[in-house]
C-alpha cells in the first residue's frame, strides 16, 4: 500500500475539519426544532437545549386548544431554565388567546435561561385578564436575552404588556420590538423593569403606540430603518438591514 505524502495527510485533515464545521448535525448541540409542534414540546423539558433548524410557520396555532392557541413555555412554578437558540431563523404567526394565564408569550417565564438569535413575526397575543404579556416572554428573571425581535400585536388590557417582555430582571442585548402594544401598564419594549440591564435595545414609538417603556430606547419608524440607530450591532455576520426600507433582520 502506498504511503500518503505529508501534503496529502494535511489536506485530508483540513477537509475533515471543514466538513465537520459545516455539518448541520455537528455544528449545533441540543434538540433541533423543525415545526411548531416541536416548538410546543419544549414544555416537556424546561431545562433542555434547543435550536431552530429552519423558519417556523406557527399560523396553525390559531386553531389550537379550543382557540386558546399556543401554550406559553414555562410558568411561575416551573420556569424555562434551558437554552433556546433561534439560529437566525423566524417564527411567524404565533397566536395566543389566554386571558386567564399569568405569564403569556412564547415563553411564559424564563428563570436562569438563555434565549437568542430569533425573530418573532406577526405575533397575535391577547391576554386581557393576565398579569404579564410579552411577545417573547411574560417574565424574564436572571436570564440572558440577545439578538431577538418581535413584530405583531400584544394586548394585556388588565395587566402589564410589553412588545418584547412584560417584566424583566435579566440582561437584554441587541433586541427590538415594533409590536402594537395595549395594556393597563404598557411599554413599547418592556412593561416593567426590576433591575434589568439593557444594552442597545429599541422599540418603535409609532407602531407600538407607546412613548414609554420600562427599558430600551424609543425611536421613530424612520429611525428604526436606519443602520446608524443600531451603531453597536454587528451588521457583518449577525444582522442585515435595507437602509430606509426595512427593520433589521437576522442573517
C-alpha atoms as a PDB file:
ATOM      1  CA  UNK A   1       0.000   0.000   0.000  1.00  0.00           C
ATOM      2  CA  UNK A   2       1.281   3.432  -0.885  1.00  0.00           C
ATOM      3  CA  UNK A   3       2.043   5.787   1.941  1.00  0.00           C
ATOM      4  CA  UNK A   4       0.258   9.116   1.861  1.00  0.00           C
ATOM      5  CA  UNK A   5       2.533  12.107   1.500  1.00  0.00           C
ATOM      6  CA  UNK A   6       2.626  14.691   4.277  1.00  0.00           C
ATOM      7  CA  UNK A   7       0.823  17.090   1.913  1.00  0.00           C
ATOM      8  CA  UNK A   8      -1.987  14.572   1.359  1.00  0.00           C
ATOM      9  CA  UNK A   9      -2.384  13.954   5.078  1.00  0.00           C
ATOM     10  CA  UNK A  10      -2.582  17.670   5.822  1.00  0.00           C
ATOM     11  CA  UNK A  11      -5.125  18.135   3.026  1.00  0.00           C
ATOM     12  CA  UNK A  12      -7.333  15.323   4.380  1.00  0.00           C
ATOM     13  CA  UNK A  13      -7.168  16.738   7.898  1.00  0.00           C
ATOM     14  CA  UNK A  14      -8.223  20.187   6.663  1.00  0.00           C
ATOM     15  CA  UNK A  15     -11.039  18.676   4.598  1.00  0.00           C
ATOM     16  CA  UNK A  16     -12.327  16.722   7.594  1.00  0.00           C
ATOM     17  CA  UNK A  17     -12.209  19.849   9.749  1.00  0.00           C
ATOM     18  CA  UNK A  18     -14.147  21.943   7.230  1.00  0.00           C
ATOM     19  CA  UNK A  19     -16.729  19.189   6.717  1.00  0.00           C
ATOM     20  CA  UNK A  20     -17.272  18.926  10.458  1.00  0.00           C
ATOM     21  CA  UNK A  21     -17.589  22.686  10.896  1.00  0.00           C
ATOM     22  CA  UNK A  22     -20.294  22.961   8.275  1.00  0.00           C
ATOM     23  CA  UNK A  23     -22.184  19.790   9.121  1.00  0.00           C
ATOM     24  CA  UNK A  24     -25.632  20.669  10.450  1.00  0.00           C
ATOM     25  CA  UNK A  25     -25.585  17.687  12.797  1.00  0.00           C
ATOM     26  CA  UNK A  26     -22.309  18.695  14.396  1.00  0.00           C
ATOM     27  CA  UNK A  27     -22.455  22.493  14.391  1.00  0.00           C
ATOM     28  CA  UNK A  28     -25.312  22.701  16.917  1.00  0.00           C
ATOM     29  CA  UNK A  29     -25.846  20.959  20.217  1.00  0.00           C
ATOM     30  CA  UNK A  30     -29.211  20.076  21.663  1.00  0.00           C
ATOM     31  CA  UNK A  31     -32.614  19.239  20.249  1.00  0.00           C
ATOM     32  CA  UNK A  32     -33.457  20.579  16.797  1.00  0.00           C
ATOM     33  CA  UNK A  33     -36.880  22.153  16.237  1.00  0.00           C
ATOM     34  CA  UNK A  34     -38.332  21.985  12.744  1.00  0.00           C
ATOM     35  CA  UNK A  35     -42.060  22.749  13.266  1.00  0.00           C
ATOM     36  CA  UNK A  36     -44.459  24.391  15.690  1.00  0.00           C
ATOM     37  CA  UNK A  37     -45.456  21.102  17.318  1.00  0.00           C
ATOM     38  CA  UNK A  38     -41.837  20.521  18.314  1.00  0.00           C
ATOM     39  CA  UNK A  39     -41.685  24.131  19.496  1.00  0.00           C
ATOM     40  CA  UNK A  40     -44.593  23.496  21.857  1.00  0.00           C
ATOM     41  CA  UNK A  41     -42.950  20.273  23.068  1.00  0.00           C
ATOM     42  CA  UNK A  42     -40.207  22.313  24.781  1.00  0.00           C
ATOM     43  CA  UNK A  43     -42.729  22.433  27.621  1.00  0.00           C
ATOM     44  CA  UNK A  44     -41.863  18.791  28.315  1.00  0.00           C
ATOM     45  CA  UNK A  45     -38.249  19.582  29.197  1.00  0.00           C
ATOM     46  CA  UNK A  46     -37.843  23.096  30.505  1.00  0.00           C
ATOM     47  CA  UNK A  47     -34.129  22.627  31.214  1.00  0.00           C
ATOM     48  CA  UNK A  48     -33.290  21.418  27.713  1.00  0.00           C
ATOM     49  CA  UNK A  49     -31.112  22.918  24.991  1.00  0.00           C
ATOM     50  CA  UNK A  50     -32.901  23.692  21.727  1.00  0.00           C
ATOM     51  CA  UNK A  51     -32.213  25.295  18.372  1.00  0.00           C
ATOM     52  CA  UNK A  52     -34.305  26.105  15.316  1.00  0.00           C
ATOM     53  CA  UNK A  53     -33.264  24.131  12.253  1.00  0.00           C
ATOM     54  CA  UNK A  54     -35.383  26.278   9.913  1.00  0.00           C
ATOM     55  CA  UNK A  55     -38.009  29.030   9.876  1.00  0.00           C
ATOM     56  CA  UNK A  56     -41.225  28.014  11.670  1.00  0.00           C
ATOM     57  CA  UNK A  57     -44.766  28.669  10.427  1.00  0.00           C
ATOM     58  CA  UNK A  58     -46.857  28.918  13.613  1.00  0.00           C
ATOM     59  CA  UNK A  59     -50.088  30.145  11.991  1.00  0.00           C
ATOM     60  CA  UNK A  60     -51.826  26.827  12.782  1.00  0.00           C
ATOM     61  CA  UNK A  61     -51.772  27.770  16.474  1.00  0.00           C
ATOM     62  CA  UNK A  62     -54.822  29.988  15.907  1.00  0.00           C
ATOM     63  CA  UNK A  63     -56.893  26.798  15.955  1.00  0.00           C
ATOM     64  CA  UNK A  64     -55.166  25.060  18.843  1.00  0.00           C
ATOM     65  CA  UNK A  65     -56.649  24.306  22.271  1.00  0.00           C
ATOM     66  CA  UNK A  66     -60.211  25.482  21.573  1.00  0.00           C
ATOM     67  CA  UNK A  67     -58.854  28.723  20.102  1.00  0.00           C
ATOM     68  CA  UNK A  68     -56.631  29.439  23.111  1.00  0.00           C
ATOM     69  CA  UNK A  69     -53.653  28.915  20.814  1.00  0.00           C
ATOM     70  CA  UNK A  70     -50.060  28.165  21.734  1.00  0.00           C
ATOM     71  CA  UNK A  71     -49.301  27.378  25.377  1.00  0.00           C
ATOM     72  CA  UNK A  72     -46.559  29.509  26.984  1.00  0.00           C
ATOM     73  CA  UNK A  73     -43.356  27.562  27.607  1.00  0.00           C
ATOM     74  CA  UNK A  74     -42.722  27.703  31.344  1.00  0.00           C
ATOM     75  CA  UNK A  75     -44.613  29.488  34.110  1.00  0.00           C
ATOM     76  CA  UNK A  76     -44.017  30.893  37.587  1.00  0.00           C
ATOM     77  CA  UNK A  77     -43.958  27.492  39.266  1.00  0.00           C
ATOM     78  CA  UNK A  78     -41.989  25.681  36.538  1.00  0.00           C
ATOM     79  CA  UNK A  79     -39.988  28.257  34.527  1.00  0.00           C
ATOM     80  CA  UNK A  80     -37.879  27.675  31.445  1.00  0.00           C
ATOM     81  CA  UNK A  81     -34.270  27.323  32.598  1.00  0.00           C
ATOM     82  CA  UNK A  82     -32.691  25.969  29.434  1.00  0.00           C
ATOM     83  CA  UNK A  83     -31.145  27.395  26.267  1.00  0.00           C
ATOM     84  CA  UNK A  84     -33.034  28.347  23.125  1.00  0.00           C
ATOM     85  CA  UNK A  85     -31.097  29.383  20.027  1.00  0.00           C
ATOM     86  CA  UNK A  86     -33.180  30.585  17.102  1.00  0.00           C
ATOM     87  CA  UNK A  87     -30.089  30.169  14.929  1.00  0.00           C
ATOM     88  CA  UNK A  88     -31.068  33.266  12.931  1.00  0.00           C
ATOM     89  CA  UNK A  89     -34.487  31.848  11.990  1.00  0.00           C
ATOM     90  CA  UNK A  90     -38.004  33.230  12.430  1.00  0.00           C
ATOM     91  CA  UNK A  91     -41.275  32.072  13.985  1.00  0.00           C
ATOM     92  CA  UNK A  92     -44.250  33.523  12.097  1.00  0.00           C
ATOM     93  CA  UNK A  93     -47.903  33.835  13.123  1.00  0.00           C
ATOM     94  CA  UNK A  94     -47.720  32.715  16.759  1.00  0.00           C
ATOM     95  CA  UNK A  95     -51.240  33.012  18.219  1.00  0.00           C
ATOM     96  CA  UNK A  96     -52.232  33.100  21.888  1.00  0.00           C
ATOM     97  CA  UNK A  97     -55.605  33.974  23.436  1.00  0.00           C
ATOM     98  CA  UNK A  98     -55.139  33.311  27.135  1.00  0.00           C
ATOM     99  CA  UNK A  99     -56.891  35.886  29.343  1.00  0.00           C
ATOM    100  CA  UNK A 100     -56.636  33.678  32.441  1.00  0.00           C
ATOM    101  CA  UNK A 101     -52.888  32.980  32.301  1.00  0.00           C
ATOM    102  CA  UNK A 102     -50.490  34.992  34.456  1.00  0.00           C
ATOM    103  CA  UNK A 103     -47.464  34.909  32.142  1.00  0.00           C
ATOM    104  CA  UNK A 104     -48.056  34.915  28.394  1.00  0.00           C
ATOM    105  CA  UNK A 105     -45.597  34.885  25.496  1.00  0.00           C
ATOM    106  CA  UNK A 106     -43.615  32.334  23.530  1.00  0.00           C
ATOM    107  CA  UNK A 107     -42.043  31.768  26.936  1.00  0.00           C
ATOM    108  CA  UNK A 108     -44.269  32.368  29.907  1.00  0.00           C
ATOM    109  CA  UNK A 109     -41.480  32.592  32.464  1.00  0.00           C
ATOM    110  CA  UNK A 110     -37.704  32.333  31.956  1.00  0.00           C
ATOM    111  CA  UNK A 111     -35.503  31.988  35.038  1.00  0.00           C
ATOM    112  CA  UNK A 112     -31.763  31.490  34.647  1.00  0.00           C
ATOM    113  CA  UNK A 113     -32.099  30.553  30.983  1.00  0.00           C
ATOM    114  CA  UNK A 114     -30.817  31.916  27.693  1.00  0.00           C
ATOM    115  CA  UNK A 115     -32.784  32.912  24.589  1.00  0.00           C
ATOM    116  CA  UNK A 116     -31.043  34.250  21.498  1.00  0.00           C
ATOM    117  CA  UNK A 117     -30.981  34.766  17.741  1.00  0.00           C
ATOM    118  CA  UNK A 118     -34.685  34.588  16.908  1.00  0.00           C
ATOM    119  CA  UNK A 119     -37.269  36.792  15.206  1.00  0.00           C
ATOM    120  CA  UNK A 120     -40.977  36.533  16.045  1.00  0.00           C
ATOM    121  CA  UNK A 121     -43.025  37.854  13.133  1.00  0.00           C
ATOM    122  CA  UNK A 122     -46.700  38.879  13.297  1.00  0.00           C
ATOM    123  CA  UNK A 123     -47.433  37.549  16.767  1.00  0.00           C
ATOM    124  CA  UNK A 124     -51.071  37.842  17.873  1.00  0.00           C
ATOM    125  CA  UNK A 125     -51.133  37.708  21.664  1.00  0.00           C
ATOM    126  CA  UNK A 126     -54.260  38.526  23.645  1.00  0.00           C
ATOM    127  CA  UNK A 127     -54.086  38.164  27.397  1.00  0.00           C
ATOM    128  CA  UNK A 128     -56.556  40.784  28.538  1.00  0.00           C
ATOM    129  CA  UNK A 129     -57.009  39.302  32.005  1.00  0.00           C
ATOM    130  CA  UNK A 130     -53.439  38.259  32.782  1.00  0.00           C
ATOM    131  CA  UNK A 131     -50.716  39.979  34.775  1.00  0.00           C
ATOM    132  CA  UNK A 132     -47.850  39.850  32.275  1.00  0.00           C
ATOM    133  CA  UNK A 133     -47.872  39.558  28.478  1.00  0.00           C
ATOM    134  CA  UNK A 134     -44.951  39.949  26.080  1.00  0.00           C
ATOM    135  CA  UNK A 135     -44.194  38.846  22.536  1.00  0.00           C
ATOM    136  CA  UNK A 136     -41.091  36.885  23.508  1.00  0.00           C
ATOM    137  CA  UNK A 137     -41.796  36.320  27.196  1.00  0.00           C
ATOM    138  CA  UNK A 138     -44.107  37.265  30.024  1.00  0.00           C
ATOM    139  CA  UNK A 139     -41.408  37.379  32.717  1.00  0.00           C
ATOM    140  CA  UNK A 140     -37.625  37.117  32.430  1.00  0.00           C
ATOM    141  CA  UNK A 141     -35.581  36.754  35.608  1.00  0.00           C
ATOM    142  CA  UNK A 142     -31.845  36.210  35.994  1.00  0.00           C
ATOM    143  CA  UNK A 143     -31.516  35.277  32.333  1.00  0.00           C
ATOM    144  CA  UNK A 144     -29.888  36.426  29.100  1.00  0.00           C
ATOM    145  CA  UNK A 145     -31.793  37.535  26.002  1.00  0.00           C
ATOM    146  CA  UNK A 146     -29.742  38.548  22.972  1.00  0.00           C
ATOM    147  CA  UNK A 147     -30.393  39.246  19.276  1.00  0.00           C
ATOM    148  CA  UNK A 148     -34.188  38.920  19.343  1.00  0.00           C
ATOM    149  CA  UNK A 149     -37.024  40.920  17.790  1.00  0.00           C
ATOM    150  CA  UNK A 150     -40.819  40.882  17.681  1.00  0.00           C
ATOM    151  CA  UNK A 151     -43.444  42.257  15.290  1.00  0.00           C
ATOM    152  CA  UNK A 152     -47.233  42.000  15.520  1.00  0.00           C
ATOM    153  CA  UNK A 153     -49.544  42.833  18.429  1.00  0.00           C
ATOM    154  CA  UNK A 154     -49.553  42.213  22.179  1.00  0.00           C
ATOM    155  CA  UNK A 155     -52.629  43.039  24.247  1.00  0.00           C
ATOM    156  CA  UNK A 156     -52.885  42.823  28.025  1.00  0.00           C
ATOM    157  CA  UNK A 157     -55.693  45.219  28.884  1.00  0.00           C
ATOM    158  CA  UNK A 158     -55.952  44.253  32.552  1.00  0.00           C
ATOM    159  CA  UNK A 159     -52.233  43.947  33.241  1.00  0.00           C
ATOM    160  CA  UNK A 160     -48.690  44.661  32.090  1.00  0.00           C
ATOM    161  CA  UNK A 161     -47.863  44.290  28.412  1.00  0.00           C
ATOM    162  CA  UNK A 162     -44.579  44.762  26.569  1.00  0.00           C
ATOM    163  CA  UNK A 163     -43.671  44.277  22.935  1.00  0.00           C
ATOM    164  CA  UNK A 164     -40.712  42.042  23.800  1.00  0.00           C
ATOM    165  CA  UNK A 165     -41.114  41.238  27.505  1.00  0.00           C
ATOM    166  CA  UNK A 166     -43.548  42.286  30.203  1.00  0.00           C
ATOM    167  CA  UNK A 167     -41.483  42.117  33.424  1.00  0.00           C
ATOM    168  CA  UNK A 168     -37.711  41.944  33.115  1.00  0.00           C
ATOM    169  CA  UNK A 169     -34.749  41.452  35.504  1.00  0.00           C
ATOM    170  CA  UNK A 170     -32.226  39.787  33.089  1.00  0.00           C
ATOM    171  CA  UNK A 171     -29.666  41.111  30.745  1.00  0.00           C
ATOM    172  CA  UNK A 172     -31.202  42.150  27.388  1.00  0.00           C
ATOM    173  CA  UNK A 173     -28.824  42.901  24.499  1.00  0.00           C
ATOM    174  CA  UNK A 174     -29.395  43.934  20.868  1.00  0.00           C
ATOM    175  CA  UNK A 175     -33.169  43.397  20.795  1.00  0.00           C
ATOM    176  CA  UNK A 176     -36.080  45.393  19.417  1.00  0.00           C
ATOM    177  CA  UNK A 177     -39.853  45.447  19.103  1.00  0.00           C
ATOM    178  CA  UNK A 178     -42.210  47.056  16.627  1.00  0.00           C
ATOM    179  CA  UNK A 179     -45.332  45.453  18.135  1.00  0.00           C
ATOM    180  CA  UNK A 180     -48.604  47.266  18.687  1.00  0.00           C
ATOM    181  CA  UNK A 181     -48.866  47.215  22.499  1.00  0.00           C
ATOM    182  CA  UNK A 182     -52.021  47.676  24.545  1.00  0.00           C
ATOM    183  CA  UNK A 183     -52.468  47.178  28.276  1.00  0.00           C
ATOM    184  CA  UNK A 184     -53.231  48.680  31.658  1.00  0.00           C
ATOM    185  CA  UNK A 185     -49.498  49.254  32.085  1.00  0.00           C
ATOM    186  CA  UNK A 186     -47.986  49.062  28.592  1.00  0.00           C
ATOM    187  CA  UNK A 187     -44.401  49.519  27.452  1.00  0.00           C
ATOM    188  CA  UNK A 188     -43.064  49.696  23.920  1.00  0.00           C
ATOM    189  CA  UNK A 189     -40.292  47.166  24.616  1.00  0.00           C
ATOM    190  CA  UNK A 190     -40.699  46.304  28.298  1.00  0.00           C
ATOM    191  CA  UNK A 191     -43.666  46.990  30.544  1.00  0.00           C
ATOM    192  CA  UNK A 192     -41.927  46.827  33.910  1.00  0.00           C
ATOM    193  CA  UNK A 193     -38.243  46.731  34.853  1.00  0.00           C
ATOM    194  CA  UNK A 194     -36.965  45.019  38.002  1.00  0.00           C
ATOM    195  CA  UNK A 195     -33.237  45.642  37.959  1.00  0.00           C
ATOM    196  CA  UNK A 196     -32.794  44.602  34.338  1.00  0.00           C
ATOM    197  CA  UNK A 197     -29.917  45.779  32.142  1.00  0.00           C
ATOM    198  CA  UNK A 198     -30.490  46.910  28.539  1.00  0.00           C
ATOM    199  CA  UNK A 199     -27.688  47.077  26.010  1.00  0.00           C
ATOM    200  CA  UNK A 200     -28.576  48.704  22.683  1.00  0.00           C
ATOM    201  CA  UNK A 201     -32.277  47.767  22.712  1.00  0.00           C
ATOM    202  CA  UNK A 202     -35.014  49.710  20.906  1.00  0.00           C
ATOM    203  CA  UNK A 203     -38.720  49.975  20.179  1.00  0.00           C
ATOM    204  CA  UNK A 204     -40.737  51.762  17.512  1.00  0.00           C
ATOM    205  CA  UNK A 205     -42.692  54.545  19.219  1.00  0.00           C
ATOM    206  CA  UNK A 206     -45.034  54.932  16.250  1.00  0.00           C
ATOM    207  CA  UNK A 207     -46.053  51.352  15.502  1.00  0.00           C
ATOM    208  CA  UNK A 208     -46.251  50.453  19.198  1.00  0.00           C
ATOM    209  CA  UNK A 209     -48.409  53.427  20.082  1.00  0.00           C
ATOM    210  CA  UNK A 210     -46.231  53.782  23.189  1.00  0.00           C
ATOM    211  CA  UNK A 211     -43.922  56.666  24.025  1.00  0.00           C
ATOM    212  CA  UNK A 212     -42.518  54.963  27.117  1.00  0.00           C
ATOM    213  CA  UNK A 213     -41.001  51.625  28.105  1.00  0.00           C
ATOM    214  CA  UNK A 214     -39.513  50.044  31.202  1.00  0.00           C
ATOM    215  CA  UNK A 215     -36.249  49.709  29.293  1.00  0.00           C
ATOM    216  CA  UNK A 216     -34.670  50.391  25.928  1.00  0.00           C
ATOM    217  CA  UNK A 217     -34.678  53.443  23.696  1.00  0.00           C
ATOM    218  CA  UNK A 218     -37.657  54.645  21.674  1.00  0.00           C
ATOM    219  CA  UNK A 219     -37.154  55.561  18.006  1.00  0.00           C
ATOM    220  CA  UNK A 220     -39.401  56.634  15.149  1.00  0.00           C
ATOM    221  CA  UNK A 221     -40.220  54.223  12.342  1.00  0.00           C
ATOM    222  CA  UNK A 222     -37.804  56.042  10.046  1.00  0.00           C
ATOM    223  CA  UNK A 223     -35.009  55.811  12.606  1.00  0.00           C
ATOM    224  CA  UNK A 224     -35.692  52.094  13.151  1.00  0.00           C
ATOM    225  CA  UNK A 225     -34.944  51.520   9.474  1.00  0.00           C
ATOM    226  CA  UNK A 226     -31.523  53.170   9.589  1.00  0.00           C
ATOM    227  CA  UNK A 227     -28.385  51.265  10.447  1.00  0.00           C
ATOM    228  CA  UNK A 228     -26.981  54.268  12.301  1.00  0.00           C
ATOM    229  CA  UNK A 229     -29.584  53.760  15.023  1.00  0.00           C
ATOM    230  CA  UNK A 230     -28.056  50.389  15.850  1.00  0.00           C
ATOM    231  CA  UNK A 231     -24.474  51.616  15.901  1.00  0.00           C
ATOM    232  CA  UNK A 232     -23.092  48.863  18.157  1.00  0.00           C
ATOM    233  CA  UNK A 233     -24.798  45.970  16.364  1.00  0.00           C
ATOM    234  CA  UNK A 234     -22.920  43.533  14.141  1.00  0.00           C
ATOM    235  CA  UNK A 235     -24.195  44.022  10.600  1.00  0.00           C
ATOM    236  CA  UNK A 236     -21.387  41.944   9.119  1.00  0.00           C
ATOM    237  CA  UNK A 237     -22.311  38.484  10.355  1.00  0.00           C
ATOM    238  CA  UNK A 238     -25.411  38.706  12.605  1.00  0.00           C
ATOM    239  CA  UNK A 239     -27.806  41.399  11.363  1.00  0.00           C
ATOM    240  CA  UNK A 240     -28.864  42.788   7.977  1.00  0.00           C
ATOM    241  CA  UNK A 241     -30.858  45.881   7.026  1.00  0.00           C
ATOM    242  CA  UNK A 242     -32.090  47.560   3.854  1.00  0.00           C
ATOM    243  CA  UNK A 243     -31.462  51.211   4.582  1.00  0.00           C
ATOM    244  CA  UNK A 244     -34.643  53.305   4.880  1.00  0.00           C
ATOM    245  CA  UNK A 245     -36.744  50.302   3.788  1.00  0.00           C
ATOM    246  CA  UNK A 246     -36.736  47.536   6.404  1.00  0.00           C
ATOM    247  CA  UNK A 247     -36.185  46.896  10.073  1.00  0.00           C
ATOM    248  CA  UNK A 248     -33.110  44.834  10.978  1.00  0.00           C
ATOM    249  CA  UNK A 249     -33.343  41.090  10.333  1.00  0.00           C
ATOM    250  CA  UNK A 250     -31.120  38.243  11.433  1.00  0.00           C
ATOM    251  CA  UNK A 251     -28.856  36.723   8.821  1.00  0.00           C
END
